Structures are given as structure tokens and as C-alpha cells.
Amino acid sequence: MKRFFIFCLFLVTLHSCDDGDIIVTSFDFDDIALQRCGTIGQYVFFKINTVNLETLSLQLNTQDSILQSADVRNYNLSTTGNVVNYRTYNGEITSAYFCSSVPPTSPEVALNYTSVQGNAIVTTEPIFFVTTSGTQTDSIVAYSTNILLQNLRLESENESITQETLELGTVETPVN
């Protein structure tokens, strides 16, 4: 009787297991450099994982000069305006996908998650010139802009991904 009960429990366990849809809960973009396009009014920051054919992007629609002024700014994320997208594709993706005035028709987006809530914290700091003797001067040579995503929620049809904190990355902008 004991063996029969264990056998039935085993069958119930096998029958109730369902892998279901795979939902990405962590992103594999840590070793990938953040890239950017656009100017004041429509900045686009993005990372391309060529191995997994996926991208993570942030579009900021702001009139703020976030790349060349030392400041910390907080932008609300939504499905319109300031938007984060996680996408997978059916082919190789290049920066032209994000930087063209007319987006290319291929590769096609296989899966698209869009932000419905969260914040993008944009921190820009000056990079000063350092002499060969190691002395810092007052001359700013570039700005370093770091983007941190907080309380991010991305949704696709009937699935969602939540990330409490996600370091998008840092870009440097030389002073003209």
C-alpha cells in the first residue's frame, strides 16, 4: 500500500509539472557597452547582445541637455514618452536599427516587452583633464552619463518582467 501511495504521488507530480512560457527574469547585458543616438528632444540609449539576438533600449524624450551638463535627473517611464524596450529578433541586429531616421525592416522583432512603469535616473558628471604628472586641471574634457533604471516593469501581451534595479550603463561625451 505504501508503494502504491508513493507511485500515485509520483504520477501526480509528473502530471502537474508544466514548464509553461519561459519568462526572462534577468538580462544578459552586463559586459555590453551602452551606445547612444539622437540629441536633445529624443535620446536613444541601447545595448545589443549579438549572441542572443536581443536588445535593451531607452528612449528619452526630453529637452534637457543630459549629455553635457553635470546633474542628476529622474525621468518617469511609461508606454509613451520615455520608454524602455526589451526585444528579441529573428536575425542579427546592428546600431543602424536604433540610429536610422527610417528604421530597417529587418530583422523582425520576435518578442517585445515595453515599460509600463519605472524611473530612469540619469547622472552626468564632468571628466577633467589630468596632466602627465597626475594633477587634475579645471579643464573639462568630457562628460560621463550613467543611467540607472529603478522599479522597472516591462509588459508584453500577457507577461511581465519586473526589475527593482537595472544598471543600463555609462556613455562618455567629449566636450566640443
N, C-alpha and C. Protein backbone atom coordinates (compact mmCIF):
# COMPACT_ATOMS: atom_id res chain seq x y z
N MET A 1 0.82 -1.18 0.00
CA MET A 1 0.00 0.00 0.00
C MET A 1 0.87 1.26 0.00
N LYS A 2 1.93 1.22 0.79
CA LYS A 2 2.82 2.37 0.88
C LYS A 2 3.46 2.65 -0.50
N ARG A 3 3.87 1.60 -1.20
CA ARG A 3 4.45 1.76 -2.53
C ARG A 3 3.43 2.32 -3.52
N PHE A 4 2.20 1.88 -3.42
CA PHE A 4 1.15 2.38 -4.29
C PHE A 4 0.94 3.88 -4.06
N PHE A 5 0.92 4.31 -2.81
CA PHE A 5 0.74 5.72 -2.48
C PHE A 5 1.91 6.56 -3.03
N ILE A 6 3.12 6.09 -2.88
CA ILE A 6 4.30 6.81 -3.40
C ILE A 6 4.25 6.87 -4.92
N PHE A 7 3.84 5.77 -5.55
CA PHE A 7 3.70 5.75 -7.00
C PHE A 7 2.65 6.76 -7.48
N CYS A 8 1.51 6.83 -6.81
CA CYS A 8 0.45 7.79 -7.16
C CYS A 8 0.93 9.22 -6.96
N LEU A 9 1.65 9.48 -5.88
CA LEU A 9 2.19 10.81 -5.62
C LEU A 9 3.18 11.20 -6.72
N PHE A 10 3.99 10.25 -7.14
CA PHE A 10 4.94 10.48 -8.21
C PHE A 10 4.22 10.81 -9.53
N LEU A 11 3.15 10.10 -9.84
CA LEU A 11 2.38 10.36 -11.06
C LEU A 11 1.73 11.74 -11.02
N VAL A 12 1.18 12.11 -9.88
CA VAL A 12 0.55 13.42 -9.73
C VAL A 12 1.60 14.51 -9.92
N THR A 13 2.78 14.31 -9.36
CA THR A 13 3.86 15.29 -9.50
C THR A 13 4.27 15.44 -10.96
N LEU A 14 4.42 14.35 -11.66
CA LEU A 14 4.78 14.42 -13.08
C LEU A 14 3.69 15.09 -13.90
N HIS A 15 2.46 14.80 -13.60
CA HIS A 15 1.34 15.34 -14.36
C HIS A 15 1.17 16.84 -14.10
N SER A 16 1.47 17.30 -12.90
CA SER A 16 1.25 18.71 -12.56
C SER A 16 2.40 19.60 -13.00
N CYS A 17 3.53 19.05 -13.41
CA CYS A 17 4.66 19.87 -13.85
C CYS A 17 4.37 20.45 -15.22
N ASP A 18 4.50 21.75 -15.33
CA ASP A 18 4.28 22.43 -16.60
C ASP A 18 5.31 23.54 -16.71
N ASP A 19 6.20 23.40 -17.67
CA ASP A 19 7.22 24.43 -17.85
C ASP A 19 6.61 25.75 -18.27
N GLY A 20 5.52 25.73 -18.98
CA GLY A 20 4.85 26.96 -19.41
C GLY A 20 5.73 27.80 -20.29
N ASP A 21 5.41 29.08 -20.37
CA ASP A 21 6.20 30.00 -21.16
C ASP A 21 7.44 30.42 -20.39
N ILE A 22 8.55 30.51 -21.08
CA ILE A 22 9.78 30.97 -20.46
C ILE A 22 9.72 32.48 -20.37
N ILE A 23 9.91 32.99 -19.17
CA ILE A 23 9.89 34.43 -18.96
C ILE A 23 11.28 34.85 -18.51
N VAL A 24 11.86 35.81 -19.19
CA VAL A 24 13.19 36.29 -18.85
C VAL A 24 13.09 37.10 -17.56
N THR A 25 13.86 36.70 -16.55
CA THR A 25 13.82 37.44 -15.29
C THR A 25 15.12 38.20 -15.05
N SER A 26 16.15 37.90 -15.80
CA SER A 26 17.39 38.66 -15.69
C SER A 26 17.92 38.88 -17.10
N PHE A 27 18.60 39.99 -17.26
CA PHE A 27 19.11 40.36 -18.57
C PHE A 27 20.60 40.08 -18.64
N ASP A 28 21.07 39.70 -19.82
CA ASP A 28 22.48 39.37 -20.01
C ASP A 28 23.16 40.48 -20.82
N PHE A 29 23.23 41.67 -20.22
CA PHE A 29 23.81 42.82 -20.91
C PHE A 29 24.98 43.44 -20.12
N ASP A 30 25.43 42.77 -19.06
CA ASP A 30 26.44 43.35 -18.18
C ASP A 30 27.74 43.70 -18.90
N ASP A 31 28.23 42.85 -19.77
CA ASP A 31 29.51 43.08 -20.43
C ASP A 31 29.38 43.79 -21.77
N ILE A 32 28.22 44.35 -22.04
CA ILE A 32 27.96 45.00 -23.32
C ILE A 32 27.94 46.51 -23.12
N ALA A 33 28.68 47.22 -23.96
CA ALA A 33 28.77 48.68 -23.84
C ALA A 33 27.46 49.35 -24.22
N LEU A 34 27.13 50.39 -23.46
CA LEU A 34 25.96 51.20 -23.77
C LEU A 34 26.30 52.11 -24.95
N GLN A 35 25.41 52.19 -25.92
CA GLN A 35 25.58 53.05 -27.09
C GLN A 35 24.46 54.08 -27.07
N ARG A 36 24.63 55.13 -27.88
CA ARG A 36 23.58 56.16 -27.92
C ARG A 36 23.46 56.75 -29.31
N CYS A 37 22.28 57.32 -29.55
CA CYS A 37 21.97 58.08 -30.77
C CYS A 37 21.07 59.22 -30.34
N GLY A 38 20.84 60.13 -31.25
CA GLY A 38 19.90 61.20 -31.00
C GLY A 38 20.51 62.38 -30.29
N THR A 39 19.68 63.39 -30.13
CA THR A 39 20.09 64.63 -29.49
C THR A 39 18.96 65.11 -28.58
N ILE A 40 19.08 66.35 -28.15
CA ILE A 40 18.05 66.92 -27.28
C ILE A 40 16.70 66.75 -27.96
N GLY A 41 15.74 66.27 -27.20
CA GLY A 41 14.40 66.03 -27.72
C GLY A 41 14.12 64.55 -27.87
N GLN A 42 15.12 63.79 -28.31
CA GLN A 42 14.92 62.35 -28.46
C GLN A 42 16.26 61.62 -28.41
N TYR A 43 16.64 61.27 -27.19
CA TYR A 43 17.85 60.46 -26.97
C TYR A 43 17.46 58.99 -27.04
N VAL A 44 18.35 58.18 -27.60
CA VAL A 44 18.14 56.73 -27.58
C VAL A 44 19.43 56.09 -27.06
N PHE A 45 19.30 55.33 -25.99
CA PHE A 45 20.40 54.58 -25.40
C PHE A 45 20.06 53.11 -25.59
N PHE A 46 21.07 52.30 -25.97
CA PHE A 46 20.76 50.91 -26.26
C PHE A 46 21.96 50.00 -26.07
N LYS A 47 21.66 48.73 -25.82
CA LYS A 47 22.64 47.67 -25.73
C LYS A 47 22.19 46.56 -26.67
N ILE A 48 23.13 45.99 -27.40
CA ILE A 48 22.82 44.92 -28.34
C ILE A 48 23.59 43.67 -27.94
N ASN A 49 22.88 42.59 -27.64
CA ASN A 49 23.50 41.30 -27.37
C ASN A 49 23.42 40.49 -28.66
N THR A 50 24.53 40.45 -29.39
CA THR A 50 24.56 39.78 -30.69
C THR A 50 24.51 38.26 -30.57
N VAL A 51 24.89 37.73 -29.41
CA VAL A 51 24.86 36.27 -29.22
C VAL A 51 23.42 35.78 -29.09
N ASN A 52 22.63 36.49 -28.28
CA ASN A 52 21.24 36.07 -28.04
C ASN A 52 20.22 36.79 -28.93
N LEU A 53 20.70 37.65 -29.85
CA LEU A 53 19.83 38.42 -30.74
C LEU A 53 18.77 39.19 -29.95
N GLU A 54 19.22 39.98 -28.97
CA GLU A 54 18.32 40.74 -28.12
C GLU A 54 18.88 42.13 -27.87
N THR A 55 17.98 43.06 -27.55
CA THR A 55 18.39 44.43 -27.24
C THR A 55 17.65 44.93 -26.01
N LEU A 56 18.26 45.91 -25.37
CA LEU A 56 17.63 46.64 -24.29
C LEU A 56 17.83 48.11 -24.62
N SER A 57 16.74 48.87 -24.71
CA SER A 57 16.86 50.27 -25.14
C SER A 57 16.02 51.19 -24.28
N LEU A 58 16.45 52.45 -24.23
CA LEU A 58 15.74 53.51 -23.53
C LEU A 58 15.62 54.69 -24.46
N GLN A 59 14.41 55.15 -24.67
CA GLN A 59 14.16 56.37 -25.44
C GLN A 59 13.71 57.44 -24.46
N LEU A 60 14.49 58.54 -24.40
CA LEU A 60 14.15 59.67 -23.52
C LEU A 60 13.74 60.85 -24.38
N ASN A 61 12.53 61.29 -24.22
CA ASN A 61 12.03 62.47 -24.92
C ASN A 61 12.09 63.65 -23.95
N THR A 62 13.22 64.35 -23.96
CA THR A 62 13.40 65.47 -23.05
C THR A 62 14.17 66.59 -23.73
N GLN A 63 13.88 67.78 -23.33
CA GLN A 63 14.60 68.96 -23.84
C GLN A 63 15.82 69.27 -22.97
N ASP A 64 16.08 68.43 -21.96
CA ASP A 64 17.24 68.63 -21.10
C ASP A 64 18.52 68.25 -21.84
N SER A 65 19.57 68.99 -21.58
CA SER A 65 20.89 68.68 -22.14
C SER A 65 21.59 67.70 -21.20
N ILE A 66 21.19 66.45 -21.25
CA ILE A 66 21.65 65.47 -20.27
C ILE A 66 23.07 64.97 -20.51
N LEU A 67 23.62 65.20 -21.70
CA LEU A 67 24.94 64.66 -22.02
C LEU A 67 26.09 65.62 -21.74
N GLN A 68 25.80 66.90 -21.55
CA GLN A 68 26.88 67.86 -21.34
C GLN A 68 26.59 68.88 -20.26
N SER A 69 25.92 68.45 -19.21
CA SER A 69 25.73 69.32 -18.05
C SER A 69 25.67 68.43 -16.81
N ALA A 70 26.51 68.75 -15.83
CA ALA A 70 26.57 67.96 -14.61
C ALA A 70 25.27 68.09 -13.84
N ASP A 71 24.59 66.97 -13.66
CA ASP A 71 23.31 67.00 -13.00
C ASP A 71 22.83 65.57 -12.76
N VAL A 72 21.83 65.43 -11.89
CA VAL A 72 21.13 64.17 -11.68
C VAL A 72 19.67 64.44 -11.99
N ARG A 73 19.13 63.66 -12.93
CA ARG A 73 17.73 63.86 -13.33
C ARG A 73 16.99 62.53 -13.23
N ASN A 74 15.69 62.64 -12.92
CA ASN A 74 14.84 61.47 -12.79
C ASN A 74 13.71 61.57 -13.81
N TYR A 75 13.55 60.54 -14.63
CA TYR A 75 12.51 60.52 -15.65
C TYR A 75 11.58 59.35 -15.41
N ASN A 76 10.27 59.62 -15.43
CA ASN A 76 9.28 58.56 -15.30
C ASN A 76 9.20 57.79 -16.61
N LEU A 77 9.08 56.48 -16.49
CA LEU A 77 8.96 55.61 -17.66
C LEU A 77 7.51 55.20 -17.85
N SER A 78 7.12 55.03 -19.10
CA SER A 78 5.75 54.59 -19.41
C SER A 78 5.77 53.92 -20.78
N THR A 79 4.59 53.70 -21.34
CA THR A 79 4.50 53.10 -22.68
C THR A 79 4.66 54.15 -23.77
N THR A 80 4.56 55.43 -23.40
CA THR A 80 4.75 56.53 -24.34
C THR A 80 5.70 57.53 -23.71
N GLY A 81 6.33 58.34 -24.50
CA GLY A 81 7.26 59.33 -23.96
C GLY A 81 8.62 58.72 -23.68
N ASN A 82 8.89 58.44 -22.42
CA ASN A 82 10.15 57.81 -22.01
C ASN A 82 9.90 56.31 -21.89
N VAL A 83 10.49 55.54 -22.80
CA VAL A 83 10.14 54.13 -22.95
C VAL A 83 11.39 53.25 -22.91
N VAL A 84 11.27 52.14 -22.17
CA VAL A 84 12.28 51.08 -22.19
C VAL A 84 11.69 49.91 -22.95
N ASN A 85 12.49 49.32 -23.84
CA ASN A 85 12.08 48.12 -24.58
C ASN A 85 13.12 47.03 -24.40
N TYR A 86 12.64 45.81 -24.15
CA TYR A 86 13.47 44.62 -24.25
C TYR A 86 12.91 43.85 -25.43
N ARG A 87 13.78 43.54 -26.40
CA ARG A 87 13.33 42.86 -27.61
C ARG A 87 14.26 41.72 -27.99
N THR A 88 13.66 40.69 -28.59
CA THR A 88 14.44 39.65 -29.25
C THR A 88 14.09 39.70 -30.73
N TYR A 89 15.01 39.21 -31.56
CA TYR A 89 14.86 39.34 -33.01
C TYR A 89 15.07 38.00 -33.70
N ASN A 90 14.66 37.95 -34.96
CA ASN A 90 14.83 36.73 -35.75
C ASN A 90 16.11 36.77 -36.58
N GLY A 91 16.95 37.75 -36.36
CA GLY A 91 18.22 37.87 -37.08
C GLY A 91 19.13 38.86 -36.39
N GLU A 92 20.31 39.04 -36.97
CA GLU A 92 21.32 39.92 -36.37
C GLU A 92 20.88 41.39 -36.41
N ILE A 93 21.16 42.10 -35.32
CA ILE A 93 20.77 43.49 -35.18
C ILE A 93 22.02 44.36 -35.09
N THR A 94 21.96 45.55 -35.69
CA THR A 94 23.09 46.49 -35.62
C THR A 94 22.60 47.82 -35.05
N SER A 95 23.53 48.73 -34.80
CA SER A 95 23.16 50.05 -34.26
C SER A 95 22.32 50.85 -35.25
N ALA A 96 22.37 50.51 -36.53
CA ALA A 96 21.55 51.20 -37.53
C ALA A 96 20.06 51.05 -37.21
N TYR A 97 19.70 49.98 -36.54
CA TYR A 97 18.31 49.77 -36.16
C TYR A 97 17.80 50.91 -35.28
N PHE A 98 18.66 51.42 -34.42
CA PHE A 98 18.29 52.49 -33.49
C PHE A 98 18.66 53.88 -34.01
N CYS A 99 19.66 53.97 -34.87
CA CYS A 99 20.21 55.27 -35.26
C CYS A 99 19.74 55.76 -36.62
N SER A 100 18.93 55.02 -37.33
CA SER A 100 18.42 55.44 -38.63
C SER A 100 17.16 56.27 -38.46
N SER A 101 17.02 57.27 -39.31
CA SER A 101 15.78 58.05 -39.25
C SER A 101 14.59 57.21 -39.69
N VAL A 102 14.83 56.26 -40.60
CA VAL A 102 13.81 55.29 -41.00
C VAL A 102 14.32 53.92 -40.55
N PRO A 103 13.66 53.31 -39.58
CA PRO A 103 14.14 52.02 -39.08
C PRO A 103 14.14 50.95 -40.17
N PRO A 104 15.13 50.07 -40.15
CA PRO A 104 15.16 49.00 -41.13
C PRO A 104 13.99 48.03 -40.96
N THR A 105 13.64 47.34 -42.02
CA THR A 105 12.51 46.41 -41.96
C THR A 105 12.93 45.02 -41.46
N SER A 106 14.23 44.78 -41.42
CA SER A 106 14.68 43.50 -40.88
C SER A 106 15.90 43.77 -40.00
N PRO A 107 16.13 43.00 -39.00
CA PRO A 107 15.39 41.79 -38.65
C PRO A 107 14.05 42.14 -38.01
N GLU A 108 13.19 41.15 -37.98
CA GLU A 108 11.87 41.35 -37.38
C GLU A 108 11.95 41.13 -35.88
N VAL A 109 11.12 41.85 -35.16
CA VAL A 109 11.03 41.70 -33.70
C VAL A 109 10.24 40.43 -33.40
N ALA A 110 10.88 39.50 -32.67
CA ALA A 110 10.22 38.25 -32.31
C ALA A 110 9.44 38.41 -31.01
N LEU A 111 9.98 39.19 -30.07
CA LEU A 111 9.35 39.38 -28.77
C LEU A 111 9.62 40.80 -28.33
N ASN A 112 8.61 41.50 -27.82
CA ASN A 112 8.76 42.89 -27.42
C ASN A 112 8.11 43.14 -26.07
N TYR A 113 8.92 43.55 -25.12
CA TYR A 113 8.43 43.97 -23.81
C TYR A 113 8.61 45.49 -23.73
N THR A 114 7.58 46.21 -23.28
CA THR A 114 7.59 47.67 -23.20
C THR A 114 7.35 48.10 -21.76
N SER A 115 8.05 49.16 -21.35
CA SER A 115 7.89 49.65 -19.98
C SER A 115 6.48 50.18 -19.75
N VAL A 116 5.95 49.87 -18.57
CA VAL A 116 4.67 50.43 -18.15
C VAL A 116 4.85 51.27 -16.89
N GLN A 117 5.99 51.09 -16.22
CA GLN A 117 6.30 51.91 -15.06
C GLN A 117 7.78 51.82 -14.76
N GLY A 118 8.25 52.75 -13.95
CA GLY A 118 9.64 52.77 -13.52
C GLY A 118 10.22 54.16 -13.63
N ASN A 119 11.50 54.27 -13.31
CA ASN A 119 12.22 55.53 -13.37
C ASN A 119 13.58 55.31 -14.00
N ALA A 120 14.02 56.29 -14.76
CA ALA A 120 15.38 56.32 -15.30
C ALA A 120 16.09 57.45 -14.58
N ILE A 121 17.13 57.10 -13.85
CA ILE A 121 17.92 58.10 -13.14
C ILE A 121 19.18 58.33 -13.96
N VAL A 122 19.32 59.56 -14.47
CA VAL A 122 20.42 59.93 -15.35
C VAL A 122 21.36 60.84 -14.58
N THR A 123 22.59 60.36 -14.38
CA THR A 123 23.60 61.11 -13.63
C THR A 123 24.74 61.46 -14.58
N THR A 124 24.99 62.76 -14.74
CA THR A 124 26.07 63.22 -15.62
C THR A 124 27.10 63.97 -14.78
N GLU A 125 28.37 63.57 -14.97
CA GLU A 125 29.47 64.19 -14.24
C GLU A 125 30.56 64.59 -15.21
N PRO A 126 31.27 65.68 -14.92
CA PRO A 126 32.37 66.10 -15.79
C PRO A 126 33.60 65.21 -15.60
N ILE A 127 34.35 65.05 -16.67
CA ILE A 127 35.65 64.38 -16.62
C ILE A 127 36.69 65.47 -16.88
N PHE A 128 37.59 65.66 -15.94
CA PHE A 128 38.58 66.72 -16.03
C PHE A 128 39.87 66.22 -16.65
N PHE A 129 40.60 67.13 -17.27
CA PHE A 129 41.90 66.82 -17.85
C PHE A 129 42.89 66.57 -16.72
N VAL A 130 43.68 65.51 -16.86
CA VAL A 130 44.71 65.18 -15.88
C VAL A 130 46.06 65.25 -16.58
N THR A 131 46.99 66.01 -16.02
CA THR A 131 48.31 66.17 -16.62
C THR A 131 49.12 64.89 -16.47
N THR A 132 50.24 64.83 -17.16
CA THR A 132 51.10 63.65 -17.08
C THR A 132 51.67 63.45 -15.68
N SER A 133 51.71 64.51 -14.89
CA SER A 133 52.20 64.39 -13.51
C SER A 133 51.08 63.93 -12.56
N GLY A 134 49.87 63.77 -13.09
CA GLY A 134 48.76 63.29 -12.28
C GLY A 134 47.93 64.38 -11.65
N THR A 135 48.18 65.63 -12.02
CA THR A 135 47.43 66.76 -11.47
C THR A 135 46.19 67.01 -12.31
N GLN A 136 45.06 67.16 -11.62
CA GLN A 136 43.80 67.46 -12.31
C GLN A 136 43.70 68.96 -12.55
N THR A 137 43.31 69.33 -13.75
CA THR A 137 43.13 70.75 -14.07
C THR A 137 41.64 71.09 -14.04
N ASP A 138 41.32 72.34 -14.27
CA ASP A 138 39.92 72.77 -14.30
C ASP A 138 39.29 72.58 -15.67
N SER A 139 40.02 72.03 -16.61
CA SER A 139 39.51 71.85 -17.97
C SER A 139 38.68 70.57 -18.07
N ILE A 140 37.41 70.73 -18.45
CA ILE A 140 36.55 69.57 -18.66
C ILE A 140 36.79 69.05 -20.07
N VAL A 141 37.12 67.77 -20.19
CA VAL A 141 37.39 67.17 -21.50
C VAL A 141 36.22 66.35 -22.02
N ALA A 142 35.36 65.89 -21.09
CA ALA A 142 34.21 65.07 -21.48
C ALA A 142 33.23 65.02 -20.31
N TYR A 143 32.07 64.43 -20.60
CA TYR A 143 31.08 64.18 -19.56
C TYR A 143 30.76 62.69 -19.56
N SER A 144 30.59 62.15 -18.38
CA SER A 144 30.22 60.75 -18.21
C SER A 144 28.76 60.69 -17.75
N THR A 145 27.93 60.02 -18.54
CA THR A 145 26.50 59.93 -18.23
C THR A 145 26.15 58.47 -17.90
N ASN A 146 25.66 58.26 -16.67
CA ASN A 146 25.28 56.93 -16.21
C ASN A 146 23.75 56.86 -16.11
N ILE A 147 23.19 55.72 -16.53
CA ILE A 147 21.73 55.55 -16.48
C ILE A 147 21.40 54.32 -15.64
N LEU A 148 20.58 54.55 -14.63
CA LEU A 148 20.12 53.50 -13.74
C LEU A 148 18.60 53.43 -13.85
N LEU A 149 18.08 52.23 -14.08
CA LEU A 149 16.63 52.02 -14.16
C LEU A 149 16.17 51.44 -12.83
N GLN A 150 15.12 52.03 -12.25
CA GLN A 150 14.59 51.55 -10.97
C GLN A 150 13.11 51.26 -11.07
N ASN A 151 12.70 50.25 -10.30
CA ASN A 151 11.29 49.84 -10.23
C ASN A 151 10.70 49.65 -11.63
N LEU A 152 11.47 49.00 -12.48
CA LEU A 152 11.10 48.81 -13.87
C LEU A 152 10.11 47.66 -14.02
N ARG A 153 9.05 47.92 -14.75
CA ARG A 153 8.10 46.86 -15.10
C ARG A 153 7.88 46.91 -16.59
N LEU A 154 8.19 45.80 -17.25
CA LEU A 154 8.01 45.65 -18.70
C LEU A 154 6.89 44.66 -18.94
N GLU A 155 6.07 44.94 -19.95
CA GLU A 155 4.97 44.03 -20.26
C GLU A 155 4.92 43.71 -21.74
N SER A 156 4.50 42.49 -22.00
CA SER A 156 4.22 42.00 -23.34
C SER A 156 2.87 41.32 -23.25
N GLU A 157 2.11 41.33 -24.27
CA GLU A 157 0.75 40.78 -24.30
C GLU A 157 0.21 40.38 -22.93
N ASN A 158 0.61 39.23 -22.38
CA ASN A 158 0.07 38.82 -21.08
C ASN A 158 1.17 38.41 -20.10
N GLU A 159 2.39 38.84 -20.34
CA GLU A 159 3.51 38.52 -19.46
C GLU A 159 4.16 39.82 -18.99
N SER A 160 4.81 39.75 -17.84
CA SER A 160 5.51 40.93 -17.35
C SER A 160 6.85 40.54 -16.73
N ILE A 161 7.76 41.48 -16.75
CA ILE A 161 9.09 41.34 -16.15
C ILE A 161 9.25 42.51 -15.21
N THR A 162 9.72 42.24 -14.00
CA THR A 162 9.95 43.29 -13.02
C THR A 162 11.41 43.27 -12.60
N GLN A 163 12.04 44.43 -12.61
CA GLN A 163 13.42 44.59 -12.15
C GLN A 163 13.45 45.74 -11.15
N GLU A 164 13.90 45.48 -9.93
CA GLU A 164 13.97 46.55 -8.93
C GLU A 164 15.02 47.58 -9.33
N THR A 165 16.20 47.10 -9.71
CA THR A 165 17.29 47.99 -10.14
C THR A 165 18.00 47.34 -11.31
N LEU A 166 18.23 48.13 -12.35
CA LEU A 166 18.93 47.64 -13.54
C LEU A 166 19.88 48.73 -14.02
N GLU A 167 21.17 48.44 -13.98
CA GLU A 167 22.19 49.38 -14.43
C GLU A 167 22.25 49.30 -15.95
N LEU A 168 21.77 50.34 -16.62
CA LEU A 168 21.80 50.34 -18.09
C LEU A 168 23.22 50.56 -18.58
N GLY A 169 23.95 51.48 -17.97
CA GLY A 169 25.34 51.67 -18.35
C GLY A 169 25.76 53.12 -18.36
N THR A 170 26.95 53.37 -18.92
CA THR A 170 27.55 54.69 -18.95
C THR A 170 28.06 54.99 -20.35
N VAL A 171 27.84 56.23 -20.79
CA VAL A 171 28.41 56.73 -22.05
C VAL A 171 29.21 57.98 -21.76
N GLU A 172 30.27 58.18 -22.54
CA GLU A 172 31.06 59.40 -22.43
C GLU A 172 30.85 60.27 -23.64
N THR A 173 30.73 61.58 -23.38
CA THR A 173 30.53 62.55 -24.44
C THR A 173 31.65 63.58 -24.38
N PRO A 174 32.51 63.66 -25.41
CA PRO A 174 33.58 64.65 -25.39
C PRO A 174 33.03 66.06 -25.48
N VAL A 175 33.75 67.01 -24.89
CA VAL A 175 33.37 68.41 -24.98
C VAL A 175 33.79 68.90 -26.35
N ASN A 176 32.88 69.60 -27.02
CA ASN A 176 33.17 70.08 -28.39
C ASN A 176 34.17 71.21 -28.38
